[in-house]
Amino acid sequence: MKRLIGLVLLSGLIASPVLAAEGTPPAAPKAAAKDAPKSATKEASKPAASKPASSTASGDSSMELLRQKLKADKKLIVSINMDLSESEAKVFWPVYEAYQKDLQAVNQRIAKLVDTYTKESNAGLVPNEVAQKLVSDWLGIEASELELKRSYVPKLNKVLPAYKVARYVQIENKIRAVVKYELGAQIPLIE
């Protein structure tokens, strides 16, 4: 894809499992920002940390600010690469927002699974029963994500030509692949 270079930046930004919002690069090139919707460029230009981080609560606050920044940057990357006309943008962005909201549930399940695995792994050898449940839960999450994608393709087909639906699916898959790669790199093999 012609301007998906920003995805390369994605892997450098994700330093911890921030799956609750799904990571994206810090910012798109200035020249490409003119094609983005005003809300995406406005959100992406906000500083990522405007509150002091002096306690655990402010640490949570900083993480939330990072999630918001990543979400805005993802939207900017999608916008830059979709080449939407004004009429297409009006009908695409509500579908995009609904998909991101539904994807949030999948991301939360992944974060919960990673948390469970981390706790079990830190406690020592993972018992076979727990390992089986982890695998079963992961397969369930993967199935849910696939089903979610399948449910949105007809919605996208109603508002965009097929090649733009395919492009959006590619962009979303590339972003998720980078996020999953980064997450996988941080998770040690099970013992």
N, C-alpha and C. Protein backbone atom coordinates (compact mmCIF):
# COMPACT_ATOMS: atom_id res chain seq x y z
N MET A 1 0.85 -1.17 0.00
CA MET A 1 0.00 0.00 0.00
C MET A 1 0.89 1.23 0.00
N LYS A 2 0.48 2.23 -0.72
CA LYS A 2 1.39 3.32 -1.01
C LYS A 2 1.85 4.12 0.19
N ARG A 3 1.03 4.34 1.19
CA ARG A 3 1.47 5.17 2.31
C ARG A 3 1.41 4.44 3.64
N LEU A 4 1.52 3.15 3.63
CA LEU A 4 1.43 2.37 4.86
C LEU A 4 2.76 2.32 5.59
N ILE A 5 3.69 3.13 5.17
CA ILE A 5 5.00 3.20 5.81
C ILE A 5 4.86 3.49 7.29
N GLY A 6 3.86 4.26 7.67
CA GLY A 6 3.64 4.59 9.07
C GLY A 6 3.49 3.36 9.94
N LEU A 7 3.08 2.25 9.38
CA LEU A 7 2.94 1.03 10.18
C LEU A 7 4.28 0.55 10.71
N VAL A 8 5.35 0.86 10.00
CA VAL A 8 6.67 0.47 10.47
C VAL A 8 6.94 1.14 11.81
N LEU A 9 6.46 2.36 11.97
CA LEU A 9 6.64 3.07 13.22
C LEU A 9 5.87 2.42 14.36
N LEU A 10 4.82 1.72 14.02
CA LEU A 10 3.95 1.08 15.00
C LEU A 10 4.73 0.19 15.95
N SER A 11 5.60 -0.62 15.42
CA SER A 11 6.31 -1.57 16.27
C SER A 11 7.22 -0.87 17.27
N GLY A 12 7.69 0.31 16.95
CA GLY A 12 8.55 1.04 17.87
C GLY A 12 7.79 1.68 19.01
N LEU A 13 6.50 1.91 18.86
CA LEU A 13 5.72 2.60 19.88
C LEU A 13 5.16 1.66 20.93
N ILE A 14 4.89 0.43 20.57
CA ILE A 14 4.23 -0.49 21.49
C ILE A 14 5.28 -1.13 22.38
N ALA A 15 5.36 -0.64 23.62
CA ALA A 15 6.36 -1.16 24.54
C ALA A 15 5.73 -2.04 25.60
N SER A 16 4.42 -2.03 25.72
CA SER A 16 3.71 -2.89 26.66
C SER A 16 2.40 -3.29 26.04
N PRO A 17 1.76 -4.34 26.55
CA PRO A 17 0.51 -4.78 25.94
C PRO A 17 -0.59 -3.74 26.14
N VAL A 18 -0.79 -2.90 25.16
CA VAL A 18 -1.81 -1.87 25.23
C VAL A 18 -2.97 -2.31 24.35
N LEU A 19 -3.38 -3.53 24.50
CA LEU A 19 -4.41 -4.08 23.65
C LEU A 19 -5.77 -3.45 23.85
N ALA A 20 -5.98 -2.84 24.98
CA ALA A 20 -7.30 -2.25 25.21
C ALA A 20 -7.63 -1.22 24.16
N ALA A 21 -6.65 -0.68 23.48
CA ALA A 21 -6.93 0.30 22.45
C ALA A 21 -6.29 -0.01 21.12
N GLU A 22 -5.44 -0.99 21.08
CA GLU A 22 -4.72 -1.37 19.88
C GLU A 22 -3.79 -0.28 19.42
N GLY A 23 -2.52 -0.58 19.36
CA GLY A 23 -1.51 0.42 19.08
C GLY A 23 -1.38 0.81 17.64
N THR A 24 -0.88 2.00 17.43
CA THR A 24 -0.54 2.51 16.11
C THR A 24 0.61 3.47 16.23
N PRO A 25 1.18 3.89 15.12
CA PRO A 25 2.35 4.74 15.16
C PRO A 25 2.10 6.12 15.74
N PRO A 26 3.16 6.82 16.14
CA PRO A 26 3.01 8.10 16.79
C PRO A 26 2.38 9.18 15.93
N ALA A 27 2.69 9.26 14.68
CA ALA A 27 2.08 10.28 13.82
C ALA A 27 2.41 9.97 12.37
N ALA A 28 1.54 10.41 11.51
CA ALA A 28 1.78 10.24 10.08
C ALA A 28 2.59 11.43 9.59
N PRO A 29 3.22 11.29 8.44
CA PRO A 29 3.98 12.41 7.91
C PRO A 29 3.09 13.63 7.71
N LYS A 30 3.65 14.81 7.89
CA LYS A 30 2.89 16.06 7.78
C LYS A 30 2.19 16.18 6.43
N ALA A 31 2.84 15.79 5.38
CA ALA A 31 2.25 15.92 4.05
C ALA A 31 1.01 15.07 3.92
N ALA A 32 0.98 13.92 4.57
CA ALA A 32 -0.16 13.03 4.45
C ALA A 32 -1.30 13.46 5.37
N ALA A 33 -1.03 14.23 6.38
CA ALA A 33 -2.05 14.62 7.35
C ALA A 33 -3.16 15.45 6.72
N LYS A 34 -2.91 16.10 5.59
CA LYS A 34 -3.94 16.91 4.96
C LYS A 34 -5.11 16.05 4.48
N ASP A 35 -4.88 14.77 4.20
CA ASP A 35 -5.93 13.88 3.73
C ASP A 35 -6.78 13.32 4.86
N ALA A 36 -6.34 13.46 6.09
CA ALA A 36 -7.03 12.86 7.23
C ALA A 36 -8.22 13.69 7.65
N PRO A 37 -9.22 13.04 8.28
CA PRO A 37 -10.34 13.82 8.78
C PRO A 37 -9.86 14.76 9.88
N LYS A 38 -10.53 15.89 10.01
CA LYS A 38 -10.11 16.88 11.00
C LYS A 38 -10.06 16.30 12.40
N SER A 39 -11.02 15.47 12.76
CA SER A 39 -11.03 14.90 14.11
C SER A 39 -9.81 14.02 14.34
N ALA A 40 -9.38 13.29 13.31
CA ALA A 40 -8.22 12.41 13.47
C ALA A 40 -6.94 13.23 13.60
N THR A 41 -6.79 14.27 12.78
CA THR A 41 -5.57 15.06 12.87
C THR A 41 -5.54 15.87 14.16
N LYS A 42 -6.69 16.33 14.59
CA LYS A 42 -6.75 17.10 15.83
C LYS A 42 -6.38 16.21 17.01
N GLU A 43 -6.96 15.00 17.07
CA GLU A 43 -6.66 14.07 18.16
C GLU A 43 -5.20 13.64 18.11
N ALA A 44 -4.68 13.38 16.93
CA ALA A 44 -3.31 12.89 16.81
C ALA A 44 -2.28 13.95 17.17
N SER A 45 -2.66 15.22 17.07
CA SER A 45 -1.69 16.26 17.38
C SER A 45 -1.65 16.62 18.85
N LYS A 46 -2.56 16.08 19.65
CA LYS A 46 -2.55 16.35 21.08
C LYS A 46 -1.36 15.66 21.73
N PRO A 47 -0.76 16.28 22.73
CA PRO A 47 0.35 15.61 23.42
C PRO A 47 -0.14 14.37 24.15
N ALA A 48 0.70 13.34 24.19
CA ALA A 48 0.30 12.07 24.79
C ALA A 48 0.27 12.12 26.30
N ALA A 49 0.95 13.05 26.93
CA ALA A 49 0.96 13.11 28.38
C ALA A 49 0.81 14.55 28.85
N SER A 50 -0.41 14.93 29.19
CA SER A 50 -0.62 16.29 29.64
C SER A 50 -0.90 16.35 31.13
N LYS A 51 -0.97 15.20 31.80
CA LYS A 51 -1.21 15.16 33.24
C LYS A 51 0.02 14.64 33.94
N PRO A 52 0.29 15.12 35.16
CA PRO A 52 1.45 14.62 35.89
C PRO A 52 1.25 13.18 36.30
N ALA A 53 2.35 12.42 36.32
CA ALA A 53 2.29 11.01 36.69
C ALA A 53 2.96 10.84 38.06
N SER A 54 2.21 11.15 39.13
CA SER A 54 2.82 11.10 40.46
C SER A 54 2.30 9.97 41.33
N SER A 55 1.29 9.23 40.88
CA SER A 55 0.76 8.14 41.68
C SER A 55 0.27 7.03 40.77
N THR A 56 -0.23 5.96 41.37
CA THR A 56 -0.77 4.86 40.57
C THR A 56 -1.95 5.35 39.75
N ALA A 57 -2.79 6.18 40.34
CA ALA A 57 -3.94 6.71 39.60
C ALA A 57 -3.48 7.52 38.41
N SER A 58 -2.43 8.30 38.59
CA SER A 58 -1.95 9.08 37.45
C SER A 58 -1.25 8.17 36.44
N GLY A 59 -0.70 7.04 36.90
CA GLY A 59 -0.14 6.06 35.97
C GLY A 59 -1.23 5.47 35.09
N ASP A 60 -2.38 5.18 35.70
CA ASP A 60 -3.54 4.72 34.93
C ASP A 60 -3.98 5.80 33.96
N SER A 61 -3.94 7.04 34.42
CA SER A 61 -4.32 8.17 33.60
C SER A 61 -3.37 8.31 32.41
N SER A 62 -2.09 8.13 32.64
CA SER A 62 -1.10 8.20 31.56
C SER A 62 -1.34 7.09 30.55
N MET A 63 -1.68 5.88 31.03
CA MET A 63 -1.97 4.77 30.13
C MET A 63 -3.20 5.08 29.29
N GLU A 64 -4.21 5.69 29.91
CA GLU A 64 -5.42 6.06 29.17
C GLU A 64 -5.10 7.10 28.10
N LEU A 65 -4.24 8.07 28.43
CA LEU A 65 -3.83 9.06 27.44
C LEU A 65 -3.10 8.40 26.28
N LEU A 66 -2.25 7.42 26.59
CA LEU A 66 -1.54 6.69 25.54
C LEU A 66 -2.54 5.93 24.66
N ARG A 67 -3.51 5.30 25.28
CA ARG A 67 -4.53 4.58 24.50
C ARG A 67 -5.27 5.52 23.56
N GLN A 68 -5.64 6.70 24.06
CA GLN A 68 -6.34 7.68 23.23
C GLN A 68 -5.46 8.13 22.06
N LYS A 69 -4.19 8.34 22.33
CA LYS A 69 -3.25 8.76 21.29
C LYS A 69 -3.11 7.67 20.23
N LEU A 70 -2.98 6.43 20.68
CA LEU A 70 -2.84 5.31 19.75
C LEU A 70 -4.10 5.17 18.88
N LYS A 71 -5.25 5.33 19.50
CA LYS A 71 -6.52 5.23 18.77
C LYS A 71 -6.60 6.31 17.69
N ALA A 72 -6.23 7.54 18.04
CA ALA A 72 -6.26 8.64 17.07
C ALA A 72 -5.27 8.39 15.94
N ASP A 73 -4.10 7.90 16.28
CA ASP A 73 -3.10 7.64 15.26
C ASP A 73 -3.52 6.51 14.32
N LYS A 74 -4.19 5.51 14.86
CA LYS A 74 -4.68 4.42 14.02
C LYS A 74 -5.69 4.97 13.02
N LYS A 75 -6.57 5.81 13.51
CA LYS A 75 -7.58 6.40 12.63
C LYS A 75 -6.91 7.24 11.55
N LEU A 76 -5.86 7.93 11.89
CA LEU A 76 -5.14 8.73 10.92
C LEU A 76 -4.51 7.85 9.85
N ILE A 77 -3.91 6.74 10.26
CA ILE A 77 -3.30 5.81 9.30
C ILE A 77 -4.37 5.25 8.36
N VAL A 78 -5.51 4.87 8.92
CA VAL A 78 -6.60 4.35 8.08
C VAL A 78 -7.04 5.43 7.09
N SER A 79 -7.23 6.64 7.60
CA SER A 79 -7.67 7.74 6.76
C SER A 79 -6.72 8.01 5.61
N ILE A 80 -5.45 8.05 5.91
CA ILE A 80 -4.43 8.34 4.90
C ILE A 80 -4.42 7.28 3.80
N ASN A 81 -4.62 6.04 4.18
CA ASN A 81 -4.50 4.94 3.23
C ASN A 81 -5.79 4.56 2.52
N MET A 82 -6.92 5.06 2.98
CA MET A 82 -8.18 4.68 2.35
C MET A 82 -8.53 5.51 1.11
N ASP A 83 -8.02 6.71 1.00
CA ASP A 83 -8.34 7.58 -0.15
C ASP A 83 -9.85 7.68 -0.36
N LEU A 84 -10.55 8.02 0.70
CA LEU A 84 -12.02 8.12 0.64
C LEU A 84 -12.46 9.44 0.05
N SER A 85 -13.51 9.39 -0.76
CA SER A 85 -14.13 10.63 -1.22
C SER A 85 -14.93 11.19 -0.04
N GLU A 86 -15.40 12.39 -0.16
CA GLU A 86 -16.16 13.00 0.93
C GLU A 86 -17.42 12.19 1.23
N SER A 87 -18.11 11.75 0.19
CA SER A 87 -19.34 10.97 0.40
C SER A 87 -19.03 9.60 1.00
N GLU A 88 -17.94 8.98 0.57
CA GLU A 88 -17.55 7.69 1.15
C GLU A 88 -17.17 7.85 2.62
N ALA A 89 -16.46 8.91 2.93
CA ALA A 89 -16.03 9.15 4.31
C ALA A 89 -17.22 9.29 5.25
N LYS A 90 -18.26 9.97 4.78
CA LYS A 90 -19.46 10.17 5.62
C LYS A 90 -20.09 8.85 6.04
N VAL A 91 -20.06 7.87 5.19
CA VAL A 91 -20.69 6.59 5.52
C VAL A 91 -19.71 5.56 6.06
N PHE A 92 -18.42 5.73 5.75
CA PHE A 92 -17.41 4.78 6.24
C PHE A 92 -17.10 4.96 7.71
N TRP A 93 -16.87 6.19 8.14
CA TRP A 93 -16.39 6.42 9.51
C TRP A 93 -17.34 5.92 10.59
N PRO A 94 -18.65 6.02 10.44
CA PRO A 94 -19.51 5.40 11.47
C PRO A 94 -19.35 3.88 11.55
N VAL A 95 -19.16 3.22 10.40
CA VAL A 95 -18.94 1.77 10.40
C VAL A 95 -17.59 1.47 11.05
N TYR A 96 -16.58 2.25 10.73
CA TYR A 96 -15.25 2.09 11.33
C TYR A 96 -15.34 2.21 12.85
N GLU A 97 -16.01 3.23 13.33
CA GLU A 97 -16.13 3.46 14.78
C GLU A 97 -16.87 2.30 15.46
N ALA A 98 -17.91 1.81 14.83
CA ALA A 98 -18.65 0.67 15.39
C ALA A 98 -17.76 -0.57 15.45
N TYR A 99 -16.97 -0.80 14.40
CA TYR A 99 -16.06 -1.94 14.38
C TYR A 99 -15.02 -1.81 15.48
N GLN A 100 -14.45 -0.63 15.63
CA GLN A 100 -13.44 -0.43 16.68
C GLN A 100 -14.03 -0.68 18.06
N LYS A 101 -15.26 -0.26 18.26
CA LYS A 101 -15.93 -0.48 19.55
C LYS A 101 -16.12 -1.98 19.79
N ASP A 102 -16.57 -2.70 18.77
CA ASP A 102 -16.75 -4.15 18.91
C ASP A 102 -15.41 -4.87 19.05
N LEU A 103 -14.39 -4.38 18.38
CA LEU A 103 -13.05 -4.96 18.47
C LEU A 103 -12.48 -4.79 19.88
N GLN A 104 -12.92 -3.76 20.56
CA GLN A 104 -12.48 -3.50 21.93
C GLN A 104 -12.75 -4.72 22.84
N ALA A 105 -13.89 -5.35 22.65
CA ALA A 105 -14.23 -6.53 23.46
C ALA A 105 -13.23 -7.66 23.21
N VAL A 106 -12.83 -7.85 21.97
CA VAL A 106 -11.83 -8.87 21.64
C VAL A 106 -10.50 -8.51 22.29
N ASN A 107 -10.13 -7.25 22.19
CA ASN A 107 -8.87 -6.80 22.77
C ASN A 107 -8.85 -6.98 24.29
N GLN A 108 -9.97 -6.73 24.93
CA GLN A 108 -10.05 -6.91 26.38
C GLN A 108 -9.92 -8.39 26.75
N ARG A 109 -10.49 -9.26 25.96
CA ARG A 109 -10.34 -10.69 26.20
C ARG A 109 -8.88 -11.13 26.06
N ILE A 110 -8.20 -10.59 25.06
CA ILE A 110 -6.78 -10.91 24.88
C ILE A 110 -5.98 -10.42 26.08
N ALA A 111 -6.24 -9.19 26.51
CA ALA A 111 -5.52 -8.63 27.65
C ALA A 111 -5.76 -9.46 28.90
N LYS A 112 -6.97 -9.92 29.09
CA LYS A 112 -7.30 -10.76 30.26
C LYS A 112 -6.56 -12.10 30.17
N LEU A 113 -6.52 -12.67 28.98
CA LEU A 113 -5.81 -13.94 28.78
C LEU A 113 -4.31 -13.77 29.05
N VAL A 114 -3.73 -12.70 28.56
CA VAL A 114 -2.31 -12.43 28.80
C VAL A 114 -2.06 -12.26 30.29
N ASP A 115 -2.95 -11.55 30.96
CA ASP A 115 -2.83 -11.35 32.40
C ASP A 115 -2.88 -12.69 33.14
N THR A 116 -3.82 -13.54 32.77
CA THR A 116 -3.94 -14.86 33.39
C THR A 116 -2.67 -15.67 33.15
N TYR A 117 -2.20 -15.67 31.90
CA TYR A 117 -0.98 -16.41 31.58
C TYR A 117 0.20 -15.89 32.39
N THR A 118 0.33 -14.57 32.47
CA THR A 118 1.44 -13.97 33.20
C THR A 118 1.43 -14.39 34.67
N LYS A 119 0.26 -14.35 35.29
CA LYS A 119 0.14 -14.74 36.70
C LYS A 119 0.51 -16.21 36.89
N GLU A 120 0.00 -17.06 36.03
CA GLU A 120 0.29 -18.49 36.11
C GLU A 120 1.77 -18.77 35.87
N SER A 121 2.31 -18.11 34.86
CA SER A 121 3.71 -18.32 34.51
C SER A 121 4.64 -17.83 35.62
N ASN A 122 4.29 -16.70 36.22
CA ASN A 122 5.12 -16.15 37.31
C ASN A 122 5.07 -17.03 38.56
N ALA A 123 4.02 -17.83 38.69
CA ALA A 123 3.89 -18.72 39.84
C ALA A 123 4.72 -19.99 39.68
N GLY A 124 5.29 -20.20 38.51
CA GLY A 124 6.10 -21.40 38.28
C GLY A 124 5.62 -22.14 37.04
N LEU A 125 5.83 -23.45 37.05
CA LEU A 125 5.39 -24.25 35.92
C LEU A 125 3.86 -24.18 35.80
N VAL A 126 3.39 -24.03 34.56
CA VAL A 126 1.94 -23.93 34.32
C VAL A 126 1.38 -25.34 34.25
N PRO A 127 0.39 -25.64 35.12
CA PRO A 127 -0.21 -26.98 35.09
C PRO A 127 -0.89 -27.27 33.75
N ASN A 128 -0.94 -28.55 33.39
CA ASN A 128 -1.54 -28.96 32.12
C ASN A 128 -2.97 -28.46 31.95
N GLU A 129 -3.77 -28.53 33.02
CA GLU A 129 -5.17 -28.09 32.93
C GLU A 129 -5.24 -26.60 32.59
N VAL A 130 -4.37 -25.82 33.20
CA VAL A 130 -4.36 -24.38 32.95
C VAL A 130 -3.89 -24.12 31.52
N ALA A 131 -2.86 -24.84 31.08
CA ALA A 131 -2.36 -24.69 29.71
C ALA A 131 -3.45 -25.02 28.70
N GLN A 132 -4.21 -26.09 28.96
CA GLN A 132 -5.31 -26.45 28.06
C GLN A 132 -6.37 -25.36 28.01
N LYS A 133 -6.68 -24.77 29.16
CA LYS A 133 -7.68 -23.70 29.20
C LYS A 133 -7.17 -22.47 28.47
N LEU A 134 -5.89 -22.15 28.63
CA LEU A 134 -5.32 -21.00 27.93
C LEU A 134 -5.43 -21.17 26.41
N VAL A 135 -5.10 -22.36 25.93
CA VAL A 135 -5.19 -22.64 24.50
C VAL A 135 -6.64 -22.56 24.03
N SER A 136 -7.54 -23.15 24.79
CA SER A 136 -8.96 -23.12 24.44
C SER A 136 -9.49 -21.69 24.41
N ASP A 137 -9.11 -20.90 25.40
CA ASP A 137 -9.54 -19.50 25.44
C ASP A 137 -8.98 -18.71 24.26
N TRP A 138 -7.70 -18.96 23.92
CA TRP A 138 -7.10 -18.26 22.80
C TRP A 138 -7.81 -18.60 21.49
N LEU A 139 -8.12 -19.88 21.29
CA LEU A 139 -8.83 -20.28 20.07
C LEU A 139 -10.22 -19.64 20.02
N GLY A 140 -10.86 -19.51 21.17
CA GLY A 140 -12.16 -18.84 21.23
C GLY A 140 -12.06 -17.37 20.85
N ILE A 141 -11.01 -16.73 21.32
CA ILE A 141 -10.78 -15.32 20.98
C ILE A 141 -10.53 -15.17 19.48
N GLU A 142 -9.69 -16.03 18.94
CA GLU A 142 -9.41 -15.98 17.50
C GLU A 142 -10.69 -16.19 16.68
N ALA A 143 -11.52 -17.14 17.12
CA ALA A 143 -12.79 -17.39 16.42
C ALA A 143 -13.70 -16.16 16.51
N SER A 144 -13.74 -15.53 17.67
CA SER A 144 -14.57 -14.33 17.85
C SER A 144 -14.09 -13.20 16.96
N GLU A 145 -12.78 -13.05 16.86
CA GLU A 145 -12.23 -11.98 16.01
C GLU A 145 -12.57 -12.23 14.54
N LEU A 146 -12.44 -13.47 14.11
CA LEU A 146 -12.78 -13.82 12.73
C LEU A 146 -14.26 -13.57 12.47
N GLU A 147 -15.10 -13.97 13.39
CA GLU A 147 -16.54 -13.77 13.24
C GLU A 147 -16.88 -12.28 13.18
N LEU A 148 -16.20 -11.49 13.99
CA LEU A 148 -16.41 -10.04 13.96
C LEU A 148 -16.05 -9.47 12.59
N LYS A 149 -14.91 -9.89 12.05
CA LYS A 149 -14.51 -9.43 10.72
C LYS A 149 -15.57 -9.82 9.69
N ARG A 150 -16.01 -11.07 9.76
CA ARG A 150 -17.02 -11.54 8.80
C ARG A 150 -18.31 -10.74 8.90
N SER A 151 -18.67 -10.34 10.12
CA SER A 151 -19.92 -9.61 10.30
C SER A 151 -19.83 -8.17 9.77
N TYR A 152 -18.62 -7.63 9.68
CA TYR A 152 -18.47 -6.25 9.21
C TYR A 152 -18.26 -6.12 7.70
N VAL A 153 -17.83 -7.16 7.04
CA VAL A 153 -17.61 -7.06 5.60
C VAL A 153 -18.91 -6.70 4.86
N PRO A 154 -20.05 -7.32 5.15
CA PRO A 154 -21.28 -6.89 4.47
C PRO A 154 -21.65 -5.43 4.78
N LYS A 155 -21.39 -4.98 5.98
CA LYS A 155 -21.66 -3.59 6.34
C LYS A 155 -20.77 -2.65 5.54
N LEU A 156 -19.51 -3.02 5.39
CA LEU A 156 -18.59 -2.21 4.60
C LEU A 156 -18.95 -2.25 3.12
N ASN A 157 -19.40 -3.42 2.64
CA ASN A 157 -19.79 -3.54 1.23
C ASN A 157 -20.97 -2.64 0.89
N LYS A 158 -21.78 -2.31 1.87
CA LYS A 158 -22.93 -1.43 1.64
C LYS A 158 -22.50 0.03 1.45
N VAL A 159 -21.32 0.39 1.97
CA VAL A 159 -20.93 1.80 1.93
C VAL A 159 -19.70 2.09 1.06
N LEU A 160 -18.97 1.06 0.66
CA LEU A 160 -17.75 1.26 -0.12
C LEU A 160 -17.68 0.27 -1.29
N PRO A 161 -16.95 0.63 -2.34
CA PRO A 161 -16.70 -0.35 -3.41
C PRO A 161 -15.83 -1.49 -2.86
N ALA A 162 -15.93 -2.64 -3.49
CA ALA A 162 -15.25 -3.84 -3.01
C ALA A 162 -13.75 -3.65 -2.84
N TYR A 163 -13.10 -2.94 -3.75
CA TYR A 163 -11.64 -2.79 -3.62
C TYR A 163 -11.28 -1.95 -2.39
N LYS A 164 -12.14 -1.02 -2.00
CA LYS A 164 -11.86 -0.23 -0.79
C LYS A 164 -12.16 -1.04 0.47
N VAL A 165 -13.13 -1.93 0.40
CA VAL A 165 -13.37 -2.84 1.52
C VAL A 165 -12.14 -3.72 1.71
N ALA A 166 -11.64 -4.27 0.60
CA ALA A 166 -10.44 -5.11 0.67
C ALA A 166 -9.26 -4.32 1.22
N ARG A 167 -9.13 -3.08 0.80
CA ARG A 167 -8.03 -2.23 1.29
C ARG A 167 -8.16 -2.02 2.80
N TYR A 168 -9.37 -1.72 3.26
CA TYR A 168 -9.55 -1.51 4.71
C TYR A 168 -9.23 -2.78 5.49
N VAL A 169 -9.68 -3.93 4.98
CA VAL A 169 -9.39 -5.20 5.65
C VAL A 169 -7.87 -5.42 5.70
N GLN A 170 -7.18 -5.09 4.61
CA GLN A 170 -5.71 -5.21 4.61
C GLN A 170 -5.07 -4.31 5.66
N ILE A 171 -5.50 -3.07 5.72
CA ILE A 171 -4.93 -2.12 6.68
C ILE A 171 -5.16 -2.63 8.10
N GLU A 172 -6.38 -3.02 8.38
CA GLU A 172 -6.73 -3.50 9.73
C GLU A 172 -5.90 -4.74 10.07
N ASN A 173 -5.75 -5.65 9.10
CA ASN A 173 -4.96 -6.87 9.35
C ASN A 173 -3.49 -6.55 9.58
N LYS A 174 -2.95 -5.59 8.84
CA LYS A 174 -1.54 -5.21 9.03
C LYS A 174 -1.34 -4.61 10.42
N ILE A 175 -2.23 -3.75 10.83
CA ILE A 175 -2.11 -3.14 12.15
C ILE A 175 -2.20 -4.20 13.23
N ARG A 176 -3.17 -5.09 13.13
CA ARG A 176 -3.33 -6.14 14.13
C ARG A 176 -2.14 -7.10 14.13
N ALA A 177 -1.58 -7.37 12.96
CA ALA A 177 -0.42 -8.26 12.89
C ALA A 177 0.77 -7.65 13.64
N VAL A 178 0.98 -6.36 13.48
CA VAL A 178 2.09 -5.71 14.18
C VAL A 178 1.84 -5.72 15.68
N VAL A 179 0.62 -5.43 16.09
CA VAL A 179 0.29 -5.42 17.52
C VAL A 179 0.49 -6.82 18.10
N LYS A 180 -0.01 -7.84 17.40
CA LYS A 180 0.14 -9.20 17.90
C LYS A 180 1.60 -9.65 17.90
N TYR A 181 2.36 -9.23 16.92
CA TYR A 181 3.78 -9.56 16.90
C TYR A 181 4.47 -8.97 18.12
N GLU A 182 4.21 -7.69 18.39
CA GLU A 182 4.83 -7.03 19.53
C GLU A 182 4.41 -7.68 20.84
N LEU A 183 3.15 -8.02 20.95
CA LEU A 183 2.66 -8.68 22.15
C LEU A 183 3.32 -10.04 22.31
N GLY A 184 3.37 -10.80 21.22
CA GLY A 184 3.98 -12.12 21.25
C GLY A 184 5.46 -12.08 21.62
N ALA A 185 6.14 -11.03 21.17
CA ALA A 185 7.56 -10.89 21.49
C ALA A 185 7.78 -10.66 22.98
N GLN A 186 6.78 -10.14 23.67
CA GLN A 186 6.90 -9.84 25.10
C GLN A 186 6.50 -11.01 25.99
N ILE A 187 5.84 -11.99 25.42
CA ILE A 187 5.33 -13.12 26.21
C ILE A 187 6.29 -14.30 26.09
N PRO A 188 6.84 -14.75 27.21
CA PRO A 188 7.77 -15.88 27.16
C PRO A 188 7.03 -17.19 26.85
N LEU A 189 7.78 -18.14 26.32
CA LEU A 189 7.19 -19.46 26.07
C LEU A 189 6.77 -20.11 27.38
N ILE A 190 5.72 -20.87 27.31
CA ILE A 190 5.18 -21.53 28.50
C ILE A 190 6.13 -22.61 29.00
N GLU A 191 6.21 -22.75 30.31
CA GLU A 191 7.06 -23.77 30.93
C GLU A 191 6.18 -24.80 31.59
